[in-house]
Amino acid sequence: MTDLSDIRREYNKGGLRRADLPANPMTLFATWMGQAREAELSDPTAMCVATVDASGQPFQRIVLLKRFDDNGFVFFTNLESRKAQQIAANAKISLLFPWHPLERQVAVTGQAEALSTAEVIKYFMSRPKESQIAAWVSKQSSKLSARQALESKFMEMKAKFAQGEIPLPKFWGGFLVRPSSIEFWQGGEHRLHDRFLYTKEASSWQIDRLAP
């Protein structure tokens, strides 16, 4: 077994205090997302999305956040993918934004609900043409005999859609994650990290400090 126990560092980029917290967690999330973008982090919108299968086995993968507001967090995916099938059976979901260079994490729990076709079309048409074609090509999470098969299918579909707009695949869509809790984690010296948990209660949010 490889021993990694000696890998450690101090977290000293600043703290998070109760007096500085807004009543709405999405206000703080917007501030932190803006600062992550200003810091020019690689993929600041990348989030780990966790779902659970019918046996209770959790799965995680990195997905890009495409929009957020007071209602929640939006991402898009192939509706035949493993994550989408698991969401269809169990809509409970969690998200994690790992902004390590800023010594921050944001963890979200909530329920995923399918977006309307109109919302999906609006986003799909904004994607680069190659990304639209890729959506048609990939049967996400299915087994492939070789990468060449995927590339050949891409070229085939590229030729097919060479003229005109690319239609929305019936198997492609998106989800809105409505949060029930949002935790903000800010690294602190001597492992005395600052953690604040927002929990949804009716139309307001309960805020609690958690031990690190």
N, C-alpha and C. Protein backbone atom coordinates (compact mmCIF):
# COMPACT_ATOMS: atom_id res chain seq x y z
N MET A 1 0.85 -1.20 0.00
CA MET A 1 0.00 0.00 0.00
C MET A 1 0.88 1.25 0.00
N THR A 2 0.53 2.22 -0.87
CA THR A 2 1.27 3.48 -0.92
C THR A 2 0.81 4.41 0.19
N ASP A 3 1.73 4.87 0.99
CA ASP A 3 1.40 5.74 2.13
C ASP A 3 1.43 7.19 1.68
N LEU A 4 0.30 7.88 1.82
CA LEU A 4 0.18 9.30 1.43
C LEU A 4 -0.05 10.19 2.64
N SER A 5 0.14 9.65 3.83
CA SER A 5 -0.23 10.37 5.05
C SER A 5 0.62 11.60 5.31
N ASP A 6 1.78 11.72 4.65
CA ASP A 6 2.64 12.87 4.90
C ASP A 6 2.34 14.03 3.95
N ILE A 7 1.34 13.88 3.08
CA ILE A 7 0.97 14.96 2.16
C ILE A 7 -0.04 15.85 2.87
N ARG A 8 0.37 17.05 3.17
CA ARG A 8 -0.54 17.97 3.87
C ARG A 8 -0.10 19.41 3.62
N ARG A 9 -0.99 20.34 3.85
CA ARG A 9 -0.68 21.76 3.74
C ARG A 9 -1.64 22.53 4.62
N GLU A 10 -1.31 23.78 4.84
CA GLU A 10 -2.20 24.65 5.61
C GLU A 10 -3.16 25.37 4.67
N TYR A 11 -4.34 25.66 5.19
CA TYR A 11 -5.33 26.45 4.44
C TYR A 11 -5.37 27.83 5.07
N ASN A 12 -4.98 28.83 4.31
CA ASN A 12 -4.85 30.16 4.91
C ASN A 12 -5.31 31.30 4.02
N LYS A 13 -6.23 31.02 3.11
CA LYS A 13 -6.68 32.07 2.20
C LYS A 13 -7.79 32.94 2.80
N GLY A 14 -8.24 32.62 4.00
CA GLY A 14 -9.27 33.46 4.63
C GLY A 14 -10.36 32.63 5.23
N GLY A 15 -11.17 33.26 6.07
CA GLY A 15 -12.24 32.55 6.75
C GLY A 15 -13.60 32.95 6.23
N LEU A 16 -14.62 32.36 6.85
CA LEU A 16 -16.01 32.66 6.53
C LEU A 16 -16.74 32.85 7.85
N ARG A 17 -17.38 33.99 8.02
CA ARG A 17 -18.02 34.32 9.28
C ARG A 17 -19.54 34.42 9.13
N ARG A 18 -20.23 34.08 10.19
CA ARG A 18 -21.70 34.08 10.15
C ARG A 18 -22.25 35.45 9.79
N ALA A 19 -21.64 36.49 10.28
CA ALA A 19 -22.13 37.85 10.02
C ALA A 19 -22.04 38.23 8.54
N ASP A 20 -21.21 37.52 7.79
CA ASP A 20 -21.02 37.84 6.38
C ASP A 20 -21.96 37.06 5.46
N LEU A 21 -22.78 36.18 6.02
CA LEU A 21 -23.62 35.31 5.21
C LEU A 21 -24.94 35.97 4.84
N PRO A 22 -25.31 35.94 3.56
CA PRO A 22 -26.62 36.47 3.15
C PRO A 22 -27.71 35.47 3.53
N ALA A 23 -28.94 35.94 3.58
CA ALA A 23 -30.06 35.06 3.93
C ALA A 23 -30.30 34.00 2.86
N ASN A 24 -30.02 34.34 1.62
CA ASN A 24 -30.23 33.43 0.49
C ASN A 24 -28.89 32.81 0.08
N PRO A 25 -28.74 31.48 0.13
CA PRO A 25 -27.46 30.86 -0.22
C PRO A 25 -27.07 31.06 -1.67
N MET A 26 -28.06 31.25 -2.55
CA MET A 26 -27.73 31.45 -3.97
C MET A 26 -27.01 32.77 -4.19
N THR A 27 -27.22 33.73 -3.29
CA THR A 27 -26.48 34.99 -3.36
C THR A 27 -25.01 34.75 -3.09
N LEU A 28 -24.71 33.95 -2.07
CA LEU A 28 -23.32 33.62 -1.76
C LEU A 28 -22.73 32.75 -2.85
N PHE A 29 -23.52 31.81 -3.38
CA PHE A 29 -23.01 30.96 -4.46
C PHE A 29 -22.63 31.81 -5.67
N ALA A 30 -23.45 32.79 -6.01
CA ALA A 30 -23.16 33.66 -7.15
C ALA A 30 -21.85 34.43 -6.91
N THR A 31 -21.63 34.87 -5.69
CA THR A 31 -20.39 35.58 -5.36
C THR A 31 -19.20 34.65 -5.51
N TRP A 32 -19.30 33.45 -4.96
CA TRP A 32 -18.19 32.50 -5.04
C TRP A 32 -17.93 32.04 -6.48
N MET A 33 -18.99 31.84 -7.25
CA MET A 33 -18.80 31.46 -8.65
C MET A 33 -18.11 32.59 -9.40
N GLY A 34 -18.53 33.83 -9.14
CA GLY A 34 -17.88 34.97 -9.79
C GLY A 34 -16.41 35.05 -9.44
N GLN A 35 -16.07 34.79 -8.19
CA GLN A 35 -14.67 34.83 -7.77
C GLN A 35 -13.88 33.67 -8.36
N ALA A 36 -14.50 32.52 -8.53
CA ALA A 36 -13.83 31.39 -9.16
C ALA A 36 -13.52 31.71 -10.63
N ARG A 37 -14.44 32.38 -11.30
CA ARG A 37 -14.21 32.77 -12.70
C ARG A 37 -13.13 33.85 -12.79
N GLU A 38 -13.18 34.82 -11.88
CA GLU A 38 -12.18 35.89 -11.88
C GLU A 38 -10.78 35.35 -11.60
N ALA A 39 -10.71 34.29 -10.80
CA ALA A 39 -9.42 33.67 -10.49
C ALA A 39 -8.91 32.82 -11.64
N GLU A 40 -9.73 32.72 -12.70
CA GLU A 40 -9.38 31.95 -13.90
C GLU A 40 -9.06 30.49 -13.57
N LEU A 41 -9.88 29.92 -12.69
CA LEU A 41 -9.74 28.50 -12.39
C LEU A 41 -10.07 27.68 -13.63
N SER A 42 -9.45 26.53 -13.75
CA SER A 42 -9.78 25.63 -14.84
C SER A 42 -11.16 25.02 -14.58
N ASP A 43 -12.07 25.21 -15.53
CA ASP A 43 -13.43 24.68 -15.41
C ASP A 43 -14.11 25.06 -14.09
N PRO A 44 -14.33 26.33 -13.83
CA PRO A 44 -14.99 26.74 -12.59
C PRO A 44 -16.42 26.22 -12.47
N THR A 45 -17.05 25.88 -13.61
CA THR A 45 -18.44 25.40 -13.57
C THR A 45 -18.51 23.88 -13.42
N ALA A 46 -17.36 23.20 -13.34
CA ALA A 46 -17.37 21.75 -13.18
C ALA A 46 -17.87 21.36 -11.81
N MET A 47 -18.78 20.39 -11.78
CA MET A 47 -19.31 19.91 -10.51
C MET A 47 -19.41 18.40 -10.55
N CYS A 48 -19.22 17.79 -9.40
CA CYS A 48 -19.38 16.35 -9.28
C CYS A 48 -20.85 16.07 -9.00
N VAL A 49 -21.47 15.28 -9.86
CA VAL A 49 -22.88 14.94 -9.72
C VAL A 49 -23.00 13.49 -9.23
N ALA A 50 -23.67 13.30 -8.11
CA ALA A 50 -23.82 11.96 -7.53
C ALA A 50 -25.27 11.51 -7.59
N THR A 51 -25.46 10.27 -8.08
CA THR A 51 -26.77 9.64 -8.13
C THR A 51 -26.64 8.24 -7.55
N VAL A 52 -27.78 7.58 -7.36
CA VAL A 52 -27.78 6.24 -6.77
C VAL A 52 -28.60 5.30 -7.64
N ASP A 53 -28.10 4.06 -7.84
CA ASP A 53 -28.86 3.11 -8.64
C ASP A 53 -29.87 2.36 -7.78
N ALA A 54 -30.57 1.42 -8.40
CA ALA A 54 -31.65 0.71 -7.71
C ALA A 54 -31.16 -0.12 -6.53
N SER A 55 -29.89 -0.53 -6.55
CA SER A 55 -29.35 -1.34 -5.46
C SER A 55 -28.78 -0.49 -4.33
N GLY A 56 -28.78 0.84 -4.52
CA GLY A 56 -28.21 1.73 -3.51
C GLY A 56 -26.76 2.08 -3.76
N GLN A 57 -26.21 1.61 -4.90
CA GLN A 57 -24.82 1.91 -5.25
C GLN A 57 -24.71 3.35 -5.77
N PRO A 58 -23.92 4.21 -5.12
CA PRO A 58 -23.75 5.57 -5.62
C PRO A 58 -22.79 5.64 -6.80
N PHE A 59 -23.02 6.59 -7.69
CA PHE A 59 -22.15 6.86 -8.83
C PHE A 59 -21.87 8.36 -8.87
N GLN A 60 -20.67 8.72 -9.28
CA GLN A 60 -20.29 10.13 -9.40
C GLN A 60 -19.65 10.38 -10.76
N ARG A 61 -19.83 11.60 -11.26
CA ARG A 61 -19.18 12.00 -12.50
C ARG A 61 -19.13 13.53 -12.54
N ILE A 62 -18.21 14.06 -13.34
CA ILE A 62 -18.09 15.52 -13.48
C ILE A 62 -18.98 15.99 -14.61
N VAL A 63 -19.81 16.99 -14.32
CA VAL A 63 -20.72 17.59 -15.28
C VAL A 63 -20.56 19.10 -15.18
N LEU A 64 -20.82 19.81 -16.27
CA LEU A 64 -20.69 21.27 -16.26
C LEU A 64 -22.03 21.93 -15.93
N LEU A 65 -22.00 22.83 -14.96
CA LEU A 65 -23.17 23.64 -14.63
C LEU A 65 -23.39 24.64 -15.75
N LYS A 66 -24.62 24.76 -16.22
CA LYS A 66 -24.91 25.66 -17.33
C LYS A 66 -25.73 26.88 -16.95
N ARG A 67 -26.41 26.81 -15.83
CA ARG A 67 -27.21 27.96 -15.40
C ARG A 67 -27.60 27.77 -13.95
N PHE A 68 -27.78 28.86 -13.23
CA PHE A 68 -28.31 28.78 -11.88
C PHE A 68 -29.08 30.06 -11.55
N ASP A 69 -30.05 29.92 -10.68
CA ASP A 69 -30.80 31.06 -10.17
C ASP A 69 -31.42 30.62 -8.84
N ASP A 70 -32.37 31.38 -8.33
CA ASP A 70 -32.95 31.05 -7.03
C ASP A 70 -33.68 29.71 -7.03
N ASN A 71 -34.04 29.21 -8.22
CA ASN A 71 -34.73 27.92 -8.29
C ASN A 71 -33.76 26.74 -8.14
N GLY A 72 -32.50 26.94 -8.55
CA GLY A 72 -31.55 25.86 -8.44
C GLY A 72 -30.50 25.85 -9.53
N PHE A 73 -29.99 24.64 -9.82
CA PHE A 73 -28.83 24.46 -10.70
C PHE A 73 -29.22 23.62 -11.91
N VAL A 74 -28.78 24.03 -13.09
CA VAL A 74 -29.18 23.37 -14.34
C VAL A 74 -28.00 22.72 -15.04
N PHE A 75 -28.21 21.48 -15.49
CA PHE A 75 -27.22 20.82 -16.35
C PHE A 75 -27.96 20.01 -17.41
N PHE A 76 -27.23 19.62 -18.47
CA PHE A 76 -27.81 18.90 -19.60
C PHE A 76 -27.09 17.59 -19.81
N THR A 77 -27.82 16.61 -20.38
CA THR A 77 -27.22 15.29 -20.55
C THR A 77 -28.06 14.45 -21.51
N ASN A 78 -27.49 13.32 -21.91
CA ASN A 78 -28.22 12.32 -22.68
C ASN A 78 -29.21 11.64 -21.73
N LEU A 79 -30.47 11.60 -22.11
CA LEU A 79 -31.50 11.05 -21.24
C LEU A 79 -31.45 9.52 -21.15
N GLU A 80 -30.62 8.90 -21.99
CA GLU A 80 -30.42 7.45 -21.92
C GLU A 80 -29.15 7.10 -21.16
N SER A 81 -28.48 8.11 -20.62
CA SER A 81 -27.25 7.90 -19.87
C SER A 81 -27.55 7.25 -18.53
N ARG A 82 -26.52 6.72 -17.89
CA ARG A 82 -26.69 6.09 -16.59
C ARG A 82 -27.23 7.08 -15.57
N LYS A 83 -26.68 8.30 -15.57
CA LYS A 83 -27.13 9.28 -14.58
C LYS A 83 -28.60 9.63 -14.75
N ALA A 84 -29.04 9.80 -16.02
CA ALA A 84 -30.43 10.15 -16.28
C ALA A 84 -31.37 9.02 -15.91
N GLN A 85 -30.97 7.79 -16.18
CA GLN A 85 -31.80 6.64 -15.82
C GLN A 85 -31.91 6.51 -14.30
N GLN A 86 -30.82 6.78 -13.60
CA GLN A 86 -30.86 6.72 -12.14
C GLN A 86 -31.71 7.84 -11.56
N ILE A 87 -31.65 9.02 -12.16
CA ILE A 87 -32.49 10.14 -11.71
C ILE A 87 -33.96 9.81 -11.93
N ALA A 88 -34.27 9.13 -13.04
CA ALA A 88 -35.66 8.77 -13.33
C ALA A 88 -36.22 7.85 -12.25
N ALA A 89 -35.36 7.01 -11.68
CA ALA A 89 -35.79 6.07 -10.64
C ALA A 89 -35.71 6.68 -9.25
N ASN A 90 -34.79 7.61 -9.06
CA ASN A 90 -34.59 8.25 -7.75
C ASN A 90 -34.07 9.66 -8.00
N ALA A 91 -34.94 10.63 -7.83
CA ALA A 91 -34.60 12.02 -8.18
C ALA A 91 -33.70 12.71 -7.16
N LYS A 92 -33.42 12.04 -6.03
CA LYS A 92 -32.53 12.64 -5.05
C LYS A 92 -31.11 12.67 -5.62
N ILE A 93 -30.43 13.81 -5.44
CA ILE A 93 -29.15 14.03 -6.11
C ILE A 93 -28.27 14.92 -5.25
N SER A 94 -26.97 14.85 -5.46
CA SER A 94 -26.06 15.78 -4.78
C SER A 94 -25.05 16.32 -5.79
N LEU A 95 -24.61 17.54 -5.54
CA LEU A 95 -23.62 18.22 -6.38
C LEU A 95 -22.47 18.68 -5.49
N LEU A 96 -21.28 18.72 -6.05
CA LEU A 96 -20.13 19.25 -5.31
C LEU A 96 -19.26 20.08 -6.24
N PHE A 97 -19.01 21.32 -5.85
CA PHE A 97 -18.12 22.21 -6.59
C PHE A 97 -16.78 22.25 -5.85
N PRO A 98 -15.70 21.68 -6.42
CA PRO A 98 -14.40 21.60 -5.73
C PRO A 98 -13.44 22.70 -6.17
N TRP A 99 -13.57 23.85 -5.59
CA TRP A 99 -12.70 24.97 -5.97
C TRP A 99 -11.44 24.97 -5.09
N HIS A 100 -10.60 23.96 -5.29
CA HIS A 100 -9.44 23.75 -4.43
C HIS A 100 -8.46 24.94 -4.38
N PRO A 101 -8.14 25.58 -5.53
CA PRO A 101 -7.20 26.71 -5.46
C PRO A 101 -7.67 27.86 -4.56
N LEU A 102 -8.98 27.98 -4.38
CA LEU A 102 -9.53 29.01 -3.50
C LEU A 102 -9.82 28.45 -2.11
N GLU A 103 -9.47 27.17 -1.91
CA GLU A 103 -9.71 26.48 -0.63
C GLU A 103 -11.19 26.53 -0.26
N ARG A 104 -12.02 26.22 -1.27
CA ARG A 104 -13.46 26.26 -1.09
C ARG A 104 -14.14 25.04 -1.69
N GLN A 105 -15.24 24.66 -1.11
CA GLN A 105 -16.13 23.66 -1.66
C GLN A 105 -17.57 24.12 -1.43
N VAL A 106 -18.45 23.75 -2.34
CA VAL A 106 -19.88 23.95 -2.14
C VAL A 106 -20.55 22.61 -2.40
N ALA A 107 -21.28 22.11 -1.41
CA ALA A 107 -21.98 20.83 -1.53
C ALA A 107 -23.49 21.06 -1.50
N VAL A 108 -24.19 20.46 -2.45
CA VAL A 108 -25.62 20.66 -2.61
C VAL A 108 -26.35 19.33 -2.55
N THR A 109 -27.46 19.27 -1.84
CA THR A 109 -28.37 18.13 -1.93
C THR A 109 -29.72 18.65 -2.39
N GLY A 110 -30.46 17.81 -3.13
CA GLY A 110 -31.75 18.26 -3.59
C GLY A 110 -32.44 17.24 -4.48
N GLN A 111 -33.43 17.72 -5.22
CA GLN A 111 -34.21 16.89 -6.13
C GLN A 111 -34.02 17.38 -7.55
N ALA A 112 -33.85 16.44 -8.47
CA ALA A 112 -33.69 16.80 -9.89
C ALA A 112 -35.03 16.66 -10.59
N GLU A 113 -35.34 17.63 -11.43
CA GLU A 113 -36.56 17.54 -12.23
C GLU A 113 -36.24 17.91 -13.67
N ALA A 114 -36.91 17.23 -14.60
CA ALA A 114 -36.63 17.42 -16.02
C ALA A 114 -37.02 18.82 -16.48
N LEU A 115 -36.21 19.39 -17.35
CA LEU A 115 -36.52 20.69 -17.95
C LEU A 115 -37.53 20.51 -19.07
N SER A 116 -38.22 21.58 -19.40
CA SER A 116 -39.18 21.54 -20.50
C SER A 116 -38.43 21.42 -21.83
N THR A 117 -39.11 20.91 -22.83
CA THR A 117 -38.50 20.78 -24.16
C THR A 117 -38.07 22.14 -24.70
N ALA A 118 -38.85 23.18 -24.43
CA ALA A 118 -38.51 24.52 -24.90
C ALA A 118 -37.19 24.99 -24.30
N GLU A 119 -36.99 24.73 -22.99
CA GLU A 119 -35.74 25.12 -22.33
C GLU A 119 -34.56 24.36 -22.91
N VAL A 120 -34.76 23.08 -23.19
CA VAL A 120 -33.69 22.24 -23.73
C VAL A 120 -33.32 22.69 -25.14
N ILE A 121 -34.32 22.96 -25.96
CA ILE A 121 -34.06 23.41 -27.33
C ILE A 121 -33.28 24.71 -27.33
N LYS A 122 -33.67 25.64 -26.47
CA LYS A 122 -33.00 26.94 -26.40
C LYS A 122 -31.51 26.77 -26.12
N TYR A 123 -31.17 25.89 -25.17
CA TYR A 123 -29.75 25.67 -24.88
C TYR A 123 -29.07 24.89 -25.99
N PHE A 124 -29.74 23.85 -26.50
CA PHE A 124 -29.13 23.01 -27.53
C PHE A 124 -28.73 23.84 -28.74
N MET A 125 -29.57 24.77 -29.14
CA MET A 125 -29.29 25.60 -30.32
C MET A 125 -28.15 26.58 -30.08
N SER A 126 -27.81 26.82 -28.81
CA SER A 126 -26.71 27.74 -28.50
C SER A 126 -25.35 27.02 -28.52
N ARG A 127 -25.36 25.69 -28.56
CA ARG A 127 -24.11 24.93 -28.53
C ARG A 127 -23.39 25.01 -29.87
N PRO A 128 -22.05 24.86 -29.88
CA PRO A 128 -21.33 24.78 -31.14
C PRO A 128 -21.86 23.61 -31.97
N LYS A 129 -21.78 23.72 -33.28
CA LYS A 129 -22.35 22.69 -34.15
C LYS A 129 -21.74 21.32 -33.88
N GLU A 130 -20.42 21.28 -33.61
CA GLU A 130 -19.76 20.00 -33.35
C GLU A 130 -20.32 19.34 -32.09
N SER A 131 -20.66 20.16 -31.09
CA SER A 131 -21.23 19.63 -29.86
C SER A 131 -22.65 19.11 -30.10
N GLN A 132 -23.39 19.78 -30.97
CA GLN A 132 -24.73 19.31 -31.32
C GLN A 132 -24.64 17.95 -32.01
N ILE A 133 -23.67 17.81 -32.92
CA ILE A 133 -23.49 16.54 -33.62
C ILE A 133 -23.08 15.44 -32.64
N ALA A 134 -22.20 15.79 -31.71
CA ALA A 134 -21.74 14.81 -30.72
C ALA A 134 -22.89 14.28 -29.90
N ALA A 135 -23.88 15.13 -29.63
CA ALA A 135 -25.05 14.68 -28.87
C ALA A 135 -25.80 13.58 -29.62
N TRP A 136 -25.84 13.68 -30.94
CA TRP A 136 -26.49 12.65 -31.76
C TRP A 136 -25.66 11.37 -31.80
N VAL A 137 -24.34 11.52 -31.76
CA VAL A 137 -23.44 10.38 -31.96
C VAL A 137 -23.33 9.47 -30.75
N SER A 138 -23.21 10.06 -29.57
CA SER A 138 -22.90 9.28 -28.38
C SER A 138 -24.12 8.67 -27.71
N LYS A 139 -24.14 7.34 -27.61
CA LYS A 139 -25.13 6.65 -26.78
C LYS A 139 -24.49 6.53 -25.40
N GLN A 140 -24.58 7.62 -24.65
CA GLN A 140 -23.81 7.78 -23.42
C GLN A 140 -23.98 6.60 -22.46
N SER A 141 -22.86 6.15 -21.93
CA SER A 141 -22.76 5.06 -20.95
C SER A 141 -22.87 3.66 -21.58
N SER A 142 -23.18 3.57 -22.89
CA SER A 142 -23.23 2.25 -23.53
C SER A 142 -21.81 1.80 -23.87
N LYS A 143 -21.63 0.50 -24.08
CA LYS A 143 -20.31 -0.05 -24.37
C LYS A 143 -19.93 0.17 -25.82
N LEU A 144 -18.65 0.47 -26.06
CA LEU A 144 -18.12 0.71 -27.41
C LEU A 144 -17.09 -0.35 -27.76
N SER A 145 -17.10 -0.80 -29.02
CA SER A 145 -16.10 -1.78 -29.45
C SER A 145 -14.74 -1.11 -29.62
N ALA A 146 -14.72 0.14 -30.09
CA ALA A 146 -13.47 0.88 -30.30
C ALA A 146 -13.79 2.35 -30.51
N ARG A 147 -12.81 3.21 -30.26
CA ARG A 147 -13.01 4.64 -30.46
C ARG A 147 -13.31 4.95 -31.93
N GLN A 148 -12.73 4.17 -32.82
CA GLN A 148 -12.92 4.40 -34.25
C GLN A 148 -14.40 4.37 -34.63
N ALA A 149 -15.16 3.51 -33.95
CA ALA A 149 -16.60 3.43 -34.23
C ALA A 149 -17.29 4.75 -33.90
N LEU A 150 -16.85 5.37 -32.81
CA LEU A 150 -17.42 6.66 -32.39
C LEU A 150 -17.05 7.75 -33.39
N GLU A 151 -15.78 7.76 -33.79
CA GLU A 151 -15.31 8.78 -34.73
C GLU A 151 -15.97 8.62 -36.10
N SER A 152 -16.16 7.38 -36.53
CA SER A 152 -16.81 7.13 -37.82
C SER A 152 -18.26 7.61 -37.79
N LYS A 153 -18.94 7.37 -36.66
CA LYS A 153 -20.32 7.83 -36.53
C LYS A 153 -20.39 9.35 -36.53
N PHE A 154 -19.40 10.00 -35.91
CA PHE A 154 -19.36 11.46 -35.89
C PHE A 154 -19.25 12.01 -37.31
N MET A 155 -18.36 11.44 -38.11
CA MET A 155 -18.17 11.91 -39.49
C MET A 155 -19.43 11.65 -40.31
N GLU A 156 -20.08 10.52 -40.05
CA GLU A 156 -21.33 10.20 -40.76
C GLU A 156 -22.41 11.22 -40.45
N MET A 157 -22.57 11.55 -39.18
CA MET A 157 -23.60 12.51 -38.79
C MET A 157 -23.23 13.93 -39.21
N LYS A 158 -21.94 14.23 -39.23
CA LYS A 158 -21.50 15.55 -39.68
C LYS A 158 -21.89 15.76 -41.14
N ALA A 159 -21.73 14.72 -41.96
CA ALA A 159 -22.11 14.81 -43.37
C ALA A 159 -23.63 14.92 -43.51
N LYS A 160 -24.35 14.18 -42.68
CA LYS A 160 -25.81 14.19 -42.74
C LYS A 160 -26.37 15.56 -42.42
N PHE A 161 -25.75 16.24 -41.44
CA PHE A 161 -26.26 17.54 -41.01
C PHE A 161 -25.42 18.70 -41.58
N ALA A 162 -24.79 18.47 -42.71
CA ALA A 162 -23.92 19.50 -43.30
C ALA A 162 -24.70 20.76 -43.69
N GLN A 163 -25.94 20.56 -44.04
CA GLN A 163 -26.78 21.69 -44.45
C GLN A 163 -27.90 21.91 -43.44
N GLY A 164 -28.12 23.15 -43.07
CA GLY A 164 -29.25 23.49 -42.21
C GLY A 164 -29.00 23.26 -40.73
N GLU A 165 -30.05 23.49 -39.93
CA GLU A 165 -29.96 23.35 -38.49
C GLU A 165 -29.99 21.89 -38.07
N ILE A 166 -29.37 21.62 -36.94
CA ILE A 166 -29.34 20.27 -36.39
C ILE A 166 -30.49 20.16 -35.39
N PRO A 167 -31.39 19.20 -35.58
CA PRO A 167 -32.53 19.08 -34.67
C PRO A 167 -32.13 18.52 -33.31
N LEU A 168 -32.96 18.80 -32.33
CA LEU A 168 -32.73 18.27 -30.99
C LEU A 168 -33.01 16.78 -30.96
N PRO A 169 -32.05 15.97 -30.49
CA PRO A 169 -32.33 14.53 -30.35
C PRO A 169 -33.41 14.30 -29.29
N LYS A 170 -34.30 13.33 -29.52
CA LYS A 170 -35.35 13.04 -28.55
C LYS A 170 -34.78 12.52 -27.24
N PHE A 171 -33.56 11.98 -27.32
CA PHE A 171 -32.95 11.37 -26.13
C PHE A 171 -32.01 12.34 -25.39
N TRP A 172 -32.11 13.61 -25.66
CA TRP A 172 -31.21 14.59 -25.04
C TRP A 172 -32.05 15.62 -24.28
N GLY A 173 -31.64 15.94 -23.05
CA GLY A 173 -32.42 16.88 -22.25
C GLY A 173 -31.62 17.48 -21.12
N GLY A 174 -32.31 17.98 -20.12
CA GLY A 174 -31.62 18.65 -19.02
C GLY A 174 -32.41 18.53 -17.74
N PHE A 175 -31.76 18.91 -16.63
CA PHE A 175 -32.38 18.82 -15.31
C PHE A 175 -32.14 20.10 -14.52
N LEU A 176 -33.13 20.44 -13.71
CA LEU A 176 -32.99 21.49 -12.72
C LEU A 176 -32.90 20.79 -11.36
N VAL A 177 -31.83 21.09 -10.63
CA VAL A 177 -31.68 20.54 -9.29
C VAL A 177 -32.17 21.60 -8.30
N ARG A 178 -33.30 21.31 -7.66
CA ARG A 178 -33.84 22.22 -6.64
C ARG A 178 -33.20 21.86 -5.31
N PRO A 179 -32.41 22.75 -4.73
CA PRO A 179 -31.66 22.40 -3.52
C PRO A 179 -32.52 22.34 -2.26
N SER A 180 -32.23 21.36 -1.42
CA SER A 180 -32.83 21.29 -0.09
C SER A 180 -31.80 21.70 0.95
N SER A 181 -30.50 21.59 0.59
CA SER A 181 -29.44 22.08 1.45
C SER A 181 -28.25 22.49 0.61
N ILE A 182 -27.52 23.50 1.08
CA ILE A 182 -26.30 23.96 0.42
C ILE A 182 -25.28 24.24 1.52
N GLU A 183 -24.14 23.57 1.44
CA GLU A 183 -23.08 23.78 2.43
C GLU A 183 -21.89 24.49 1.79
N PHE A 184 -21.43 25.53 2.45
CA PHE A 184 -20.25 26.28 2.02
C PHE A 184 -19.09 25.94 2.94
N TRP A 185 -17.98 25.52 2.35
CA TRP A 185 -16.79 25.11 3.10
C TRP A 185 -15.63 26.02 2.71
N GLN A 186 -15.02 26.65 3.68
CA GLN A 186 -13.84 27.50 3.46
C GLN A 186 -12.71 26.96 4.33
N GLY A 187 -11.59 26.64 3.71
CA GLY A 187 -10.46 26.10 4.45
C GLY A 187 -9.95 27.07 5.50
N GLY A 188 -9.49 26.53 6.64
CA GLY A 188 -8.96 27.35 7.73
C GLY A 188 -7.67 26.79 8.28
N GLU A 189 -6.89 27.63 8.93
CA GLU A 189 -5.61 27.20 9.51
C GLU A 189 -5.82 26.13 10.57
N HIS A 190 -4.84 25.25 10.70
CA HIS A 190 -4.84 24.18 11.71
C HIS A 190 -6.05 23.25 11.56
N ARG A 191 -6.58 23.16 10.34
CA ARG A 191 -7.75 22.32 10.05
C ARG A 191 -9.02 22.82 10.73
N LEU A 192 -9.03 24.07 11.17
CA LEU A 192 -10.23 24.65 11.76
C LEU A 192 -11.04 25.34 10.65
N HIS A 193 -11.55 24.52 9.75
CA HIS A 193 -12.26 25.02 8.59
C HIS A 193 -13.60 25.65 8.99
N ASP A 194 -14.08 26.54 8.14
CA ASP A 194 -15.40 27.14 8.34
C ASP A 194 -16.41 26.43 7.44
N ARG A 195 -17.48 25.92 8.05
CA ARG A 195 -18.53 25.23 7.33
C ARG A 195 -19.88 25.80 7.75
N PHE A 196 -20.66 26.23 6.77
CA PHE A 196 -22.01 26.72 7.05
C PHE A 196 -23.01 25.98 6.18
N LEU A 197 -24.03 25.45 6.81
CA LEU A 197 -25.06 24.68 6.12
C LEU A 197 -26.37 25.46 6.06
N TYR A 198 -26.84 25.70 4.84
CA TYR A 198 -28.16 26.28 4.62
C TYR A 198 -29.13 25.13 4.39
N THR A 199 -30.21 25.09 5.16
CA THR A 199 -31.24 24.06 5.00
C THR A 199 -32.57 24.73 4.69
N LYS A 200 -33.24 24.26 3.62
CA LYS A 200 -34.49 24.89 3.19
C LYS A 200 -35.61 24.55 4.15
N GLU A 201 -36.31 25.59 4.60
CA GLU A 201 -37.46 25.42 5.48
C GLU A 201 -38.57 26.30 4.94
N ALA A 202 -39.54 25.66 4.27
CA ALA A 202 -40.65 26.38 3.64
C ALA A 202 -40.09 27.41 2.66
N SER A 203 -40.30 28.70 2.94
CA SER A 203 -39.85 29.74 2.01
C SER A 203 -38.57 30.43 2.47
N SER A 204 -37.94 29.90 3.52
CA SER A 204 -36.72 30.53 4.04
C SER A 204 -35.63 29.48 4.21
N TRP A 205 -34.46 29.94 4.65
CA TRP A 205 -33.31 29.06 4.85
C TRP A 205 -32.82 29.15 6.29
N GLN A 206 -32.61 27.98 6.89
CA GLN A 206 -31.98 27.90 8.22
C GLN A 206 -30.48 27.80 8.01
N ILE A 207 -29.71 28.59 8.78
CA ILE A 207 -28.25 28.59 8.66
C ILE A 207 -27.63 28.05 9.93
N ASP A 208 -26.75 27.05 9.78
CA ASP A 208 -26.06 26.47 10.94
C ASP A 208 -24.58 26.36 10.63
N ARG A 209 -23.77 26.68 11.65
CA ARG A 209 -22.32 26.43 11.54
C ARG A 209 -22.07 24.97 11.91
N LEU A 210 -21.24 24.29 11.12
CA LEU A 210 -20.88 22.90 11.38
C LEU A 210 -19.44 22.81 11.86
N ALA A 211 -19.19 21.86 12.71
CA ALA A 211 -17.80 21.62 13.15
C ALA A 211 -17.00 21.11 11.95
N PRO A 212 -15.72 21.50 11.88
CA PRO A 212 -14.91 21.07 10.73
C PRO A 212 -14.59 19.60 10.75
